[in-house]
Amino acid sequence: AVKKALIRLRRTLREHNAAHTELHLQVSFGASTAQKYAPLA
């Protein structure tokens, strides 16, 4: 599900940059998942 969210995020960023050509927003993303209890830090 987080992979799908990242695809949606990249699409939203592309659409946003297409509407704001004067100053592009460049972003690096990373993600991690705890399937069961783990220290979230």
PDB file of all heavy atoms in Angstrom:
ATOM      1  N   ALA A   1       0.829  -1.215   0.000  1.00  0.00           N
ATOM      2  CA  ALA A   1       0.000   0.000   0.000  1.00  0.00           C
ATOM      3  C   ALA A   1       0.858   1.258   0.000  1.00  0.00           C
ATOM      4  O   ALA A   1       0.513   2.257  -0.632  1.00  0.00           O
ATOM      5  CB  ALA A   1      -0.944   0.000   1.197  1.00  0.00           C
ATOM      6  N   VAL A   2       1.997   1.229   0.695  1.00  0.00           N
ATOM      7  CA  VAL A   2       2.857   2.409   0.726  1.00  0.00           C
ATOM      8  C   VAL A   2       3.502   2.622  -0.649  1.00  0.00           C
ATOM      9  O   VAL A   2       3.719   3.764  -1.065  1.00  0.00           O
ATOM     10  CB  VAL A   2       3.883   2.368   1.871  1.00  0.00           C
ATOM     11  CG1 VAL A   2       5.103   1.534   1.539  1.00  0.00           C
ATOM     12  CG2 VAL A   2       4.328   3.762   2.246  1.00  0.00           C
ATOM     13  N   LYS A   3       3.779   1.544  -1.392  1.00  0.00           N
ATOM     14  CA  LYS A   3       4.294   1.689  -2.763  1.00  0.00           C
ATOM     15  C   LYS A   3       3.273   2.418  -3.635  1.00  0.00           C
ATOM     16  O   LYS A   3       3.629   3.297  -4.422  1.00  0.00           O
ATOM     17  CB  LYS A   3       4.640   0.330  -3.354  1.00  0.00           C
ATOM     18  CG  LYS A   3       5.908  -0.265  -2.789  1.00  0.00           C
ATOM     19  CD  LYS A   3       6.184  -1.644  -3.361  1.00  0.00           C
ATOM     20  CE  LYS A   3       7.389  -2.260  -2.656  1.00  0.00           C
ATOM     21  NZ  LYS A   3       7.607  -3.644  -3.050  1.00  0.00           N
ATOM     22  N   LYS A   4       2.008   2.058  -3.491  1.00  0.00           N
ATOM     23  CA  LYS A   4       0.947   2.745  -4.238  1.00  0.00           C
ATOM     24  C   LYS A   4       0.845   4.206  -3.819  1.00  0.00           C
ATOM     25  O   LYS A   4       0.641   5.091  -4.647  1.00  0.00           O
ATOM     26  CB  LYS A   4      -0.397   2.046  -4.030  1.00  0.00           C
ATOM     27  CG  LYS A   4      -0.476   0.691  -4.684  1.00  0.00           C
ATOM     28  CD  LYS A   4      -1.799   0.007  -4.373  1.00  0.00           C
ATOM     29  CE  LYS A   4      -1.800  -1.407  -4.902  1.00  0.00           C
ATOM     30  NZ  LYS A   4      -3.030  -2.127  -4.519  1.00  0.00           N
ATOM     31  N   ALA A   5       1.020   4.460  -2.524  1.00  0.00           N
ATOM     32  CA  ALA A   5       0.975   5.849  -2.030  1.00  0.00           C
ATOM     33  C   ALA A   5       2.123   6.662  -2.620  1.00  0.00           C
ATOM     34  O   ALA A   5       1.947   7.835  -2.972  1.00  0.00           O
ATOM     35  CB  ALA A   5       1.026   5.872  -0.508  1.00  0.00           C
ATOM     36  N   LEU A   6       3.291   6.056  -2.753  1.00  0.00           N
ATOM     37  CA  LEU A   6       4.431   6.762  -3.347  1.00  0.00           C
ATOM     38  C   LEU A   6       4.212   7.041  -4.829  1.00  0.00           C
ATOM     39  O   LEU A   6       4.603   8.106  -5.330  1.00  0.00           O
ATOM     40  CB  LEU A   6       5.721   5.965  -3.136  1.00  0.00           C
ATOM     41  CG  LEU A   6       6.283   5.989  -1.720  1.00  0.00           C
ATOM     42  CD1 LEU A   6       7.432   5.000  -1.578  1.00  0.00           C
ATOM     43  CD2 LEU A   6       6.713   7.386  -1.320  1.00  0.00           C
ATOM     44  N   ILE A   7       3.563   6.129  -5.532  1.00  0.00           N
ATOM     45  CA  ILE A   7       3.215   6.383  -6.938  1.00  0.00           C
ATOM     46  C   ILE A   7       2.263   7.568  -7.021  1.00  0.00           C
ATOM     47  O   ILE A   7       2.423   8.471  -7.842  1.00  0.00           O
ATOM     48  CB  ILE A   7       2.597   5.119  -7.582  1.00  0.00           C
ATOM     49  CG1 ILE A   7       3.678   4.041  -7.728  1.00  0.00           C
ATOM     50  CG2 ILE A   7       1.948   5.445  -8.923  1.00  0.00           C
ATOM     51  CD1 ILE A   7       3.134   2.662  -8.082  1.00  0.00           C
ATOM     52  N   ARG A   8       1.266   7.582  -6.144  1.00  0.00           N
ATOM     53  CA  ARG A   8       0.308   8.697  -6.097  1.00  0.00           C
ATOM     54  C   ARG A   8       1.022   9.998  -5.742  1.00  0.00           C
ATOM     55  O   ARG A   8       0.755  11.052  -6.337  1.00  0.00           O
ATOM     56  CB  ARG A   8      -0.787   8.369  -5.079  1.00  0.00           C
ATOM     57  CG  ARG A   8      -1.941   9.326  -5.057  1.00  0.00           C
ATOM     58  CD  ARG A   8      -3.062   8.853  -4.138  1.00  0.00           C
ATOM     59  NE  ARG A   8      -2.637   8.660  -2.767  1.00  0.00           N
ATOM     60  CZ  ARG A   8      -2.590   7.479  -2.131  1.00  0.00           C
ATOM     61  NH1 ARG A   8      -2.950   6.377  -2.752  1.00  0.00           N
ATOM     62  NH2 ARG A   8      -2.200   7.404  -0.875  1.00  0.00           N
ATOM     63  N   LEU A   9       1.965   9.929  -4.819  1.00  0.00           N
ATOM     64  CA  LEU A   9       2.722  11.112  -4.415  1.00  0.00           C
ATOM     65  C   LEU A   9       3.550  11.655  -5.578  1.00  0.00           C
ATOM     66  O   LEU A   9       3.564  12.862  -5.834  1.00  0.00           O
ATOM     67  CB  LEU A   9       3.618  10.766  -3.229  1.00  0.00           C
ATOM     68  CG  LEU A   9       4.545  11.856  -2.694  1.00  0.00           C
ATOM     69  CD1 LEU A   9       3.772  13.101  -2.307  1.00  0.00           C
ATOM     70  CD2 LEU A   9       5.333  11.318  -1.512  1.00  0.00           C
ATOM     71  N   ARG A  10       4.233  10.787  -6.305  1.00  0.00           N
ATOM     72  CA  ARG A  10       5.035  11.243  -7.454  1.00  0.00           C
ATOM     73  C   ARG A  10       4.149  11.873  -8.521  1.00  0.00           C
ATOM     74  O   ARG A  10       4.514  12.879  -9.127  1.00  0.00           O
ATOM     75  CB  ARG A  10       5.837  10.076  -8.018  1.00  0.00           C
ATOM     76  CG  ARG A  10       6.993   9.684  -7.130  1.00  0.00           C
ATOM     77  CD  ARG A  10       7.851   8.585  -7.792  1.00  0.00           C
ATOM     78  NE  ARG A  10       8.825   8.088  -6.862  1.00  0.00           N
ATOM     79  CZ  ARG A  10       8.695   6.943  -6.167  1.00  0.00           C
ATOM     80  NH1 ARG A  10       7.644   6.179  -6.330  1.00  0.00           N
ATOM     81  NH2 ARG A  10       9.642   6.584  -5.322  1.00  0.00           N
ATOM     82  N   ARG A  11       2.976  11.268  -8.770  1.00  0.00           N
ATOM     83  CA  ARG A  11       2.033  11.824  -9.751  1.00  0.00           C
ATOM     84  C   ARG A  11       1.551  13.204  -9.306  1.00  0.00           C
ATOM     85  O   ARG A  11       1.518  14.155 -10.094  1.00  0.00           O
ATOM     86  CB  ARG A  11       0.847  10.879  -9.962  1.00  0.00           C
ATOM     87  CG  ARG A  11      -0.117  11.366 -11.050  1.00  0.00           C
ATOM     88  CD  ARG A  11      -1.348  10.492 -11.184  1.00  0.00           C
ATOM     89  NE  ARG A  11      -2.161  10.579  -9.982  1.00  0.00           N
ATOM     90  CZ  ARG A  11      -2.482   9.547  -9.205  1.00  0.00           C
ATOM     91  NH1 ARG A  11      -2.071   8.335  -9.488  1.00  0.00           N
ATOM     92  NH2 ARG A  11      -3.218   9.721  -8.133  1.00  0.00           N
ATOM     93  N   THR A  12       1.218  13.331  -8.034  1.00  0.00           N
ATOM     94  CA  THR A  12       0.761  14.622  -7.501  1.00  0.00           C
ATOM     95  C   THR A  12       1.858  15.665  -7.621  1.00  0.00           C
ATOM     96  O   THR A  12       1.591  16.815  -7.979  1.00  0.00           O
ATOM     97  CB  THR A  12       0.319  14.459  -6.026  1.00  0.00           C
ATOM     98  OG1 THR A  12      -0.684  13.454  -5.955  1.00  0.00           O
ATOM     99  CG2 THR A  12      -0.227  15.754  -5.466  1.00  0.00           C
ATOM    100  N   LEU A  13       3.101  15.265  -7.361  1.00  0.00           N
ATOM    101  CA  LEU A  13       4.233  16.185  -7.488  1.00  0.00           C
ATOM    102  C   LEU A  13       4.431  16.624  -8.939  1.00  0.00           C
ATOM    103  O   LEU A  13       4.652  17.806  -9.210  1.00  0.00           O
ATOM    104  CB  LEU A  13       5.506  15.534  -6.946  1.00  0.00           C
ATOM    105  CG  LEU A  13       6.781  16.365  -7.024  1.00  0.00           C
ATOM    106  CD1 LEU A  13       6.637  17.671  -6.236  1.00  0.00           C
ATOM    107  CD2 LEU A  13       7.972  15.566  -6.514  1.00  0.00           C
ATOM    108  N   ARG A  14       4.342  15.683  -9.882  1.00  0.00           N
ATOM    109  CA  ARG A  14       4.460  16.041 -11.309  1.00  0.00           C
ATOM    110  C   ARG A  14       3.381  17.043 -11.717  1.00  0.00           C
ATOM    111  O   ARG A  14       3.652  18.030 -12.396  1.00  0.00           O
ATOM    112  CB  ARG A  14       4.362  14.793 -12.191  1.00  0.00           C
ATOM    113  CG  ARG A  14       5.636  14.039 -12.358  1.00  0.00           C
ATOM    114  CD  ARG A  14       5.558  13.010 -13.483  1.00  0.00           C
ATOM    115  NE  ARG A  14       4.394  12.131 -13.402  1.00  0.00           N
ATOM    116  CZ  ARG A  14       4.340  11.011 -12.693  1.00  0.00           C
ATOM    117  NH1 ARG A  14       5.381  10.612 -12.000  1.00  0.00           N
ATOM    118  NH2 ARG A  14       3.249  10.279 -12.695  1.00  0.00           N
ATOM    119  N   GLU A  15       2.142  16.783 -11.306  1.00  0.00           N
ATOM    120  CA  GLU A  15       1.034  17.687 -11.635  1.00  0.00           C
ATOM    121  C   GLU A  15       1.257  19.056 -11.007  1.00  0.00           C
ATOM    122  O   GLU A  15       0.998  20.091 -11.631  1.00  0.00           O
ATOM    123  CB  GLU A  15      -0.293  17.087 -11.158  1.00  0.00           C
ATOM    124  CG  GLU A  15      -0.715  15.854 -11.923  1.00  0.00           C
ATOM    125  CD  GLU A  15      -1.860  15.096 -11.272  1.00  0.00           C
ATOM    126  OE1 GLU A  15      -2.322  15.493 -10.170  1.00  0.00           O
ATOM    127  OE2 GLU A  15      -2.299  14.090 -11.861  1.00  0.00           O
ATOM    128  N   HIS A  16       1.744  19.066  -9.796  1.00  0.00           N
ATOM    129  CA  HIS A  16       2.013  20.331  -9.105  1.00  0.00           C
ATOM    130  C   HIS A  16       3.097  21.121  -9.837  1.00  0.00           C
ATOM    131  O   HIS A  16       2.956  22.324 -10.056  1.00  0.00           O
ATOM    132  CB  HIS A  16       2.431  20.055  -7.655  1.00  0.00           C
ATOM    133  CG  HIS A  16       2.685  21.283  -6.860  1.00  0.00           C
ATOM    134  ND1 HIS A  16       1.677  21.995  -6.251  1.00  0.00           N
ATOM    135  CD2 HIS A  16       3.831  21.948  -6.592  1.00  0.00           C
ATOM    136  CE1 HIS A  16       2.194  23.040  -5.631  1.00  0.00           C
ATOM    137  NE2 HIS A  16       3.505  23.035  -5.820  1.00  0.00           N
ATOM    138  N   ASN A  17       4.178  20.445 -10.218  1.00  0.00           N
ATOM    139  CA  ASN A  17       5.263  21.124 -10.927  1.00  0.00           C
ATOM    140  C   ASN A  17       4.822  21.620 -12.302  1.00  0.00           C
ATOM    141  O   ASN A  17       5.284  22.661 -12.764  1.00  0.00           O
ATOM    142  CB  ASN A  17       6.492  20.220 -11.043  1.00  0.00           C
ATOM    143  CG  ASN A  17       7.337  20.259  -9.790  1.00  0.00           C
ATOM    144  OD1 ASN A  17       7.349  21.235  -9.060  1.00  0.00           O
ATOM    145  ND2 ASN A  17       8.044  19.164  -9.535  1.00  0.00           N
ATOM    146  N   ALA A  18       3.917  20.897 -12.947  1.00  0.00           N
ATOM    147  CA  ALA A  18       3.403  21.341 -14.250  1.00  0.00           C
ATOM    148  C   ALA A  18       2.623  22.652 -14.102  1.00  0.00           C
ATOM    149  O   ALA A  18       2.622  23.490 -15.004  1.00  0.00           O
ATOM    150  CB  ALA A  18       2.519  20.261 -14.868  1.00  0.00           C
ATOM    151  N   ALA A  19       2.003  22.829 -12.952  1.00  0.00           N
ATOM    152  CA  ALA A  19       1.229  24.055 -12.700  1.00  0.00           C
ATOM    153  C   ALA A  19       2.094  25.189 -12.142  1.00  0.00           C
ATOM    154  O   ALA A  19       1.660  26.330 -12.097  1.00  0.00           O
ATOM    155  CB  ALA A  19       0.092  23.758 -11.727  1.00  0.00           C
ATOM    156  N   HIS A  20       3.317  24.866 -11.698  1.00  0.00           N
ATOM    157  CA  HIS A  20       4.212  25.866 -11.106  1.00  0.00           C
ATOM    158  C   HIS A  20       5.576  25.801 -11.800  1.00  0.00           C
ATOM    159  O   HIS A  20       6.572  25.399 -11.207  1.00  0.00           O
ATOM    160  CB  HIS A  20       4.389  25.609  -9.603  1.00  0.00           C
ATOM    161  CG  HIS A  20       3.135  25.770  -8.825  1.00  0.00           C
ATOM    162  ND1 HIS A  20       2.220  24.759  -8.655  1.00  0.00           N
ATOM    163  CD2 HIS A  20       2.623  26.840  -8.168  1.00  0.00           C
ATOM    164  CE1 HIS A  20       1.211  25.192  -7.939  1.00  0.00           C
ATOM    165  NE2 HIS A  20       1.427  26.453  -7.623  1.00  0.00           N
ATOM    166  N   THR A  21       5.609  26.202 -13.039  1.00  0.00           N
ATOM    167  CA  THR A  21       6.831  26.069 -13.839  1.00  0.00           C
ATOM    168  C   THR A  21       7.921  27.058 -13.443  1.00  0.00           C
ATOM    169  O   THR A  21       9.084  26.848 -13.775  1.00  0.00           O
ATOM    170  CB  THR A  21       6.503  26.245 -15.335  1.00  0.00           C
ATOM    171  OG1 THR A  21       5.863  27.513 -15.523  1.00  0.00           O
ATOM    172  CG2 THR A  21       5.590  25.131 -15.823  1.00  0.00           C
ATOM    173  N   GLU A  22       7.562  28.110 -12.718  1.00  0.00           N
ATOM    174  CA  GLU A  22       8.547  29.136 -12.367  1.00  0.00           C
ATOM    175  C   GLU A  22       9.579  28.651 -11.354  1.00  0.00           C
ATOM    176  O   GLU A  22      10.707  29.119 -11.323  1.00  0.00           O
ATOM    177  CB  GLU A  22       7.847  30.401 -11.849  1.00  0.00           C
ATOM    178  CG  GLU A  22       7.232  30.295 -10.448  1.00  0.00           C
ATOM    179  CD  GLU A  22       5.966  29.460 -10.313  1.00  0.00           C
ATOM    180  OE1 GLU A  22       5.398  29.042 -11.356  1.00  0.00           O
ATOM    181  OE2 GLU A  22       5.549  29.211  -9.173  1.00  0.00           O
ATOM    182  N   LEU A  23       9.224  27.716 -10.512  1.00  0.00           N
ATOM    183  CA  LEU A  23      10.134  27.206  -9.489  1.00  0.00           C
ATOM    184  C   LEU A  23       9.759  25.755  -9.206  1.00  0.00           C
ATOM    185  O   LEU A  23       8.786  25.485  -8.508  1.00  0.00           O
ATOM    186  CB  LEU A  23      10.031  28.052  -8.212  1.00  0.00           C
ATOM    187  CG  LEU A  23      10.965  27.714  -7.060  1.00  0.00           C
ATOM    188  CD1 LEU A  23      12.432  27.874  -7.456  1.00  0.00           C
ATOM    189  CD2 LEU A  23      10.666  28.619  -5.856  1.00  0.00           C
ATOM    190  N   HIS A  24      10.524  24.831  -9.804  1.00  0.00           N
ATOM    191  CA  HIS A  24      10.203  23.411  -9.633  1.00  0.00           C
ATOM    192  C   HIS A  24      10.532  22.937  -8.232  1.00  0.00           C
ATOM    193  O   HIS A  24      11.527  23.327  -7.638  1.00  0.00           O
ATOM    194  CB  HIS A  24      10.963  22.562 -10.657  1.00  0.00           C
ATOM    195  CG  HIS A  24      10.224  22.431 -11.942  1.00  0.00           C
ATOM    196  ND1 HIS A  24       9.375  21.383 -12.211  1.00  0.00           N
ATOM    197  CD2 HIS A  24      10.190  23.227 -13.038  1.00  0.00           C
ATOM    198  CE1 HIS A  24       8.853  21.537 -13.401  1.00  0.00           C
ATOM    199  NE2 HIS A  24       9.333  22.657 -13.927  1.00  0.00           N
ATOM    200  N   LEU A  25       9.679  22.076  -7.755  1.00  0.00           N
ATOM    201  CA  LEU A  25       9.843  21.448  -6.455  1.00  0.00           C
ATOM    202  C   LEU A  25      10.475  20.081  -6.686  1.00  0.00           C
ATOM    203  O   LEU A  25       9.881  19.221  -7.328  1.00  0.00           O
ATOM    204  CB  LEU A  25       8.479  21.313  -5.772  1.00  0.00           C
ATOM    205  CG  LEU A  25       8.398  20.629  -4.421  1.00  0.00           C
ATOM    206  CD1 LEU A  25       9.284  21.326  -3.397  1.00  0.00           C
ATOM    207  CD2 LEU A  25       6.956  20.617  -3.936  1.00  0.00           C
ATOM    208  N   GLN A  26      11.693  19.896  -6.197  1.00  0.00           N
ATOM    209  CA  GLN A  26      12.396  18.620  -6.323  1.00  0.00           C
ATOM    210  C   GLN A  26      12.484  17.998  -4.935  1.00  0.00           C
ATOM    211  O   GLN A  26      12.936  18.650  -3.986  1.00  0.00           O
ATOM    212  CB  GLN A  26      13.790  18.833  -6.893  1.00  0.00           C
ATOM    213  CG  GLN A  26      13.783  19.431  -8.294  1.00  0.00           C
ATOM    214  CD  GLN A  26      15.193  19.713  -8.776  1.00  0.00           C
ATOM    215  OE1 GLN A  26      16.102  18.917  -8.554  1.00  0.00           O
ATOM    216  NE2 GLN A  26      15.371  20.845  -9.427  1.00  0.00           N
ATOM    217  N   VAL A  27      12.053  16.735  -4.856  1.00  0.00           N
ATOM    218  CA  VAL A  27      11.929  16.081  -3.558  1.00  0.00           C
ATOM    219  C   VAL A  27      12.498  14.665  -3.633  1.00  0.00           C
ATOM    220  O   VAL A  27      12.282  13.958  -4.616  1.00  0.00           O
ATOM    221  CB  VAL A  27      10.445  16.019  -3.117  1.00  0.00           C
ATOM    222  CG1 VAL A  27      10.302  15.422  -1.732  1.00  0.00           C
ATOM    223  CG2 VAL A  27       9.797  17.393  -3.185  1.00  0.00           C
ATOM    224  N   SER A  28      13.205  14.265  -2.593  1.00  0.00           N
ATOM    225  CA  SER A  28      13.645  12.883  -2.440  1.00  0.00           C
ATOM    226  C   SER A  28      12.708  12.199  -1.448  1.00  0.00           C
ATOM    227  O   SER A  28      12.315  12.800  -0.444  1.00  0.00           O
ATOM    228  CB  SER A  28      15.081  12.835  -1.901  1.00  0.00           C
ATOM    229  OG  SER A  28      15.967  13.419  -2.812  1.00  0.00           O
ATOM    230  N   PHE A  29      12.349  10.948  -1.748  1.00  0.00           N
ATOM    231  CA  PHE A  29      11.435  10.193  -0.898  1.00  0.00           C
ATOM    232  C   PHE A  29      12.089   8.904  -0.433  1.00  0.00           C
ATOM    233  O   PHE A  29      12.927   8.329  -1.122  1.00  0.00           O
ATOM    234  CB  PHE A  29      10.161   9.804  -1.663  1.00  0.00           C
ATOM    235  CG  PHE A  29       9.386  10.962  -2.202  1.00  0.00           C
ATOM    236  CD1 PHE A  29       9.360  11.218  -3.561  1.00  0.00           C
ATOM    237  CD2 PHE A  29       8.676  11.792  -1.354  1.00  0.00           C
ATOM    238  CE1 PHE A  29       8.645  12.282  -4.072  1.00  0.00           C
ATOM    239  CE2 PHE A  29       7.964  12.863  -1.855  1.00  0.00           C
ATOM    240  CZ  PHE A  29       7.949  13.103  -3.219  1.00  0.00           C
ATOM    241  N   GLY A  30      11.678   8.458   0.723  1.00  0.00           N
ATOM    242  CA  GLY A  30      12.061   7.144   1.228  1.00  0.00           C
ATOM    243  C   GLY A  30      10.905   6.606   2.043  1.00  0.00           C
ATOM    244  O   GLY A  30      10.062   7.370   2.525  1.00  0.00           O
ATOM    245  N   ALA A  31      10.839   5.293   2.186  1.00  0.00           N
ATOM    246  CA  ALA A  31       9.748   4.695   2.950  1.00  0.00           C
ATOM    247  C   ALA A  31      10.236   3.419   3.623  1.00  0.00           C
ATOM    248  O   ALA A  31      11.173   2.770   3.143  1.00  0.00           O
ATOM    249  CB  ALA A  31       8.562   4.385   2.044  1.00  0.00           C
ATOM    250  N   SER A  32       9.593   3.100   4.723  1.00  0.00           N
ATOM    251  CA  SER A  32       9.885   1.859   5.441  1.00  0.00           C
ATOM    252  C   SER A  32       8.604   1.423   6.149  1.00  0.00           C
ATOM    253  O   SER A  32       7.756   2.258   6.468  1.00  0.00           O
ATOM    254  CB  SER A  32      11.012   2.083   6.441  1.00  0.00           C
ATOM    255  OG  SER A  32      11.349   0.866   7.070  1.00  0.00           O
ATOM    256  N   THR A  33       8.495   0.119   6.382  1.00  0.00           N
ATOM    257  CA  THR A  33       7.290  -0.430   6.995  1.00  0.00           C
ATOM    258  C   THR A  33       7.647  -1.363   8.140  1.00  0.00           C
ATOM    259  O   THR A  33       8.564  -2.173   8.027  1.00  0.00           O
ATOM    260  CB  THR A  33       6.466  -1.213   5.948  1.00  0.00           C
ATOM    261  OG1 THR A  33       6.103  -0.328   4.892  1.00  0.00           O
ATOM    262  CG2 THR A  33       5.204  -1.811   6.553  1.00  0.00           C
ATOM    263  N   ALA A  34       6.913  -1.249   9.219  1.00  0.00           N
ATOM    264  CA  ALA A  34       6.970  -2.214  10.320  1.00  0.00           C
ATOM    265  C   ALA A  34       5.738  -3.099  10.179  1.00  0.00           C
ATOM    266  O   ALA A  34       4.615  -2.637  10.385  1.00  0.00           O
ATOM    267  CB  ALA A  34       6.967  -1.499  11.665  1.00  0.00           C
ATOM    268  N   GLN A  35       5.941  -4.343   9.781  1.00  0.00           N
ATOM    269  CA  GLN A  35       4.808  -5.262   9.577  1.00  0.00           C
ATOM    270  C   GLN A  35       4.152  -5.632  10.905  1.00  0.00           C
ATOM    271  O   GLN A  35       2.943  -5.802  10.972  1.00  0.00           O
ATOM    272  CB  GLN A  35       5.274  -6.535   8.856  1.00  0.00           C
ATOM    273  CG  GLN A  35       5.747  -6.298   7.442  1.00  0.00           C
ATOM    274  CD  GLN A  35       4.649  -5.778   6.526  1.00  0.00           C
ATOM    275  OE1 GLN A  35       3.449  -5.935   6.764  1.00  0.00           O
ATOM    276  NE2 GLN A  35       5.058  -5.113   5.458  1.00  0.00           N
ATOM    277  N   LYS A  36       4.970  -5.758  11.941  1.00  0.00           N
ATOM    278  CA  LYS A  36       4.474  -6.029  13.287  1.00  0.00           C
ATOM    279  C   LYS A  36       5.247  -5.121  14.221  1.00  0.00           C
ATOM    280  O   LYS A  36       6.089  -4.341  13.770  1.00  0.00           O
ATOM    281  CB  LYS A  36       4.645  -7.498  13.660  1.00  0.00           C
ATOM    282  CG  LYS A  36       6.060  -7.988  13.511  1.00  0.00           C
ATOM    283  CD  LYS A  36       6.152  -9.457  13.762  1.00  0.00           C
ATOM    284  CE  LYS A  36       7.608  -9.840  13.555  1.00  0.00           C
ATOM    285  NZ  LYS A  36       8.025 -11.054  13.938  1.00  0.00           N
ATOM    286  N   TYR A  37       4.999  -5.225  15.495  1.00  0.00           N
ATOM    287  CA  TYR A  37       5.623  -4.296  16.432  1.00  0.00           C
ATOM    288  C   TYR A  37       7.119  -4.157  16.166  1.00  0.00           C
ATOM    289  O   TYR A  37       7.853  -5.138  16.030  1.00  0.00           O
ATOM    290  CB  TYR A  37       5.417  -4.718  17.895  1.00  0.00           C
ATOM    291  CG  TYR A  37       6.252  -3.850  18.794  1.00  0.00           C
ATOM    292  CD1 TYR A  37       5.808  -2.580  19.126  1.00  0.00           C
ATOM    293  CD2 TYR A  37       7.507  -4.251  19.223  1.00  0.00           C
ATOM    294  CE1 TYR A  37       6.599  -1.741  19.904  1.00  0.00           C
ATOM    295  CE2 TYR A  37       8.301  -3.423  19.996  1.00  0.00           C
ATOM    296  CZ  TYR A  37       7.841  -2.163  20.330  1.00  0.00           C
ATOM    297  OH  TYR A  37       8.622  -1.334  21.078  1.00  0.00           O
ATOM    298  N   ALA A  38       7.547  -2.904  16.107  1.00  0.00           N
ATOM    299  CA  ALA A  38       8.965  -2.560  15.991  1.00  0.00           C
ATOM    300  C   ALA A  38       9.108  -1.137  16.506  1.00  0.00           C
ATOM    301  O   ALA A  38       8.153  -0.355  16.430  1.00  0.00           O
ATOM    302  CB  ALA A  38       9.425  -2.648  14.540  1.00  0.00           C
ATOM    303  N   PRO A  39      10.269  -0.781  17.025  1.00  0.00           N
ATOM    304  CA  PRO A  39      10.463   0.625  17.417  1.00  0.00           C
ATOM    305  C   PRO A  39      10.331   1.518  16.184  1.00  0.00           C
ATOM    306  O   PRO A  39      11.086   1.369  15.217  1.00  0.00           O
ATOM    307  CB  PRO A  39      11.887   0.646  17.978  1.00  0.00           C
ATOM    308  CG  PRO A  39      12.204  -0.778  18.322  1.00  0.00           C
ATOM    309  CD  PRO A  39      11.435  -1.608  17.344  1.00  0.00           C
ATOM    310  N   LEU A  40       9.366   2.409  16.197  1.00  0.00           N
ATOM    311  CA  LEU A  40       9.113   3.237  15.019  1.00  0.00           C
ATOM    312  C   LEU A  40      10.217   4.244  14.779  1.00  0.00           C
ATOM    313  O   LEU A  40      10.367   4.731  13.658  1.00  0.00           O
ATOM    314  CB  LEU A  40       7.740   3.902  15.128  1.00  0.00           C
ATOM    315  CG  LEU A  40       6.568   2.923  15.017  1.00  0.00           C
ATOM    316  CD1 LEU A  40       5.231   3.671  15.103  1.00  0.00           C
ATOM    317  CD2 LEU A  40       6.621   2.082  13.759  1.00  0.00           C
ATOM    318  N   ALA A  41      11.027   4.555  15.793  1.00  0.00           N
ATOM    319  CA  ALA A  41      12.190   5.420  15.559  1.00  0.00           C
ATOM    320  C   ALA A  41      13.155   4.747  14.592  1.00  0.00           C
ATOM    321  O   ALA A  41      13.753   5.404  13.740  1.00  0.00           O
ATOM    322  CB  ALA A  41      12.882   5.739  16.876  1.00  0.00           C
TER     323      ALA A  41
END
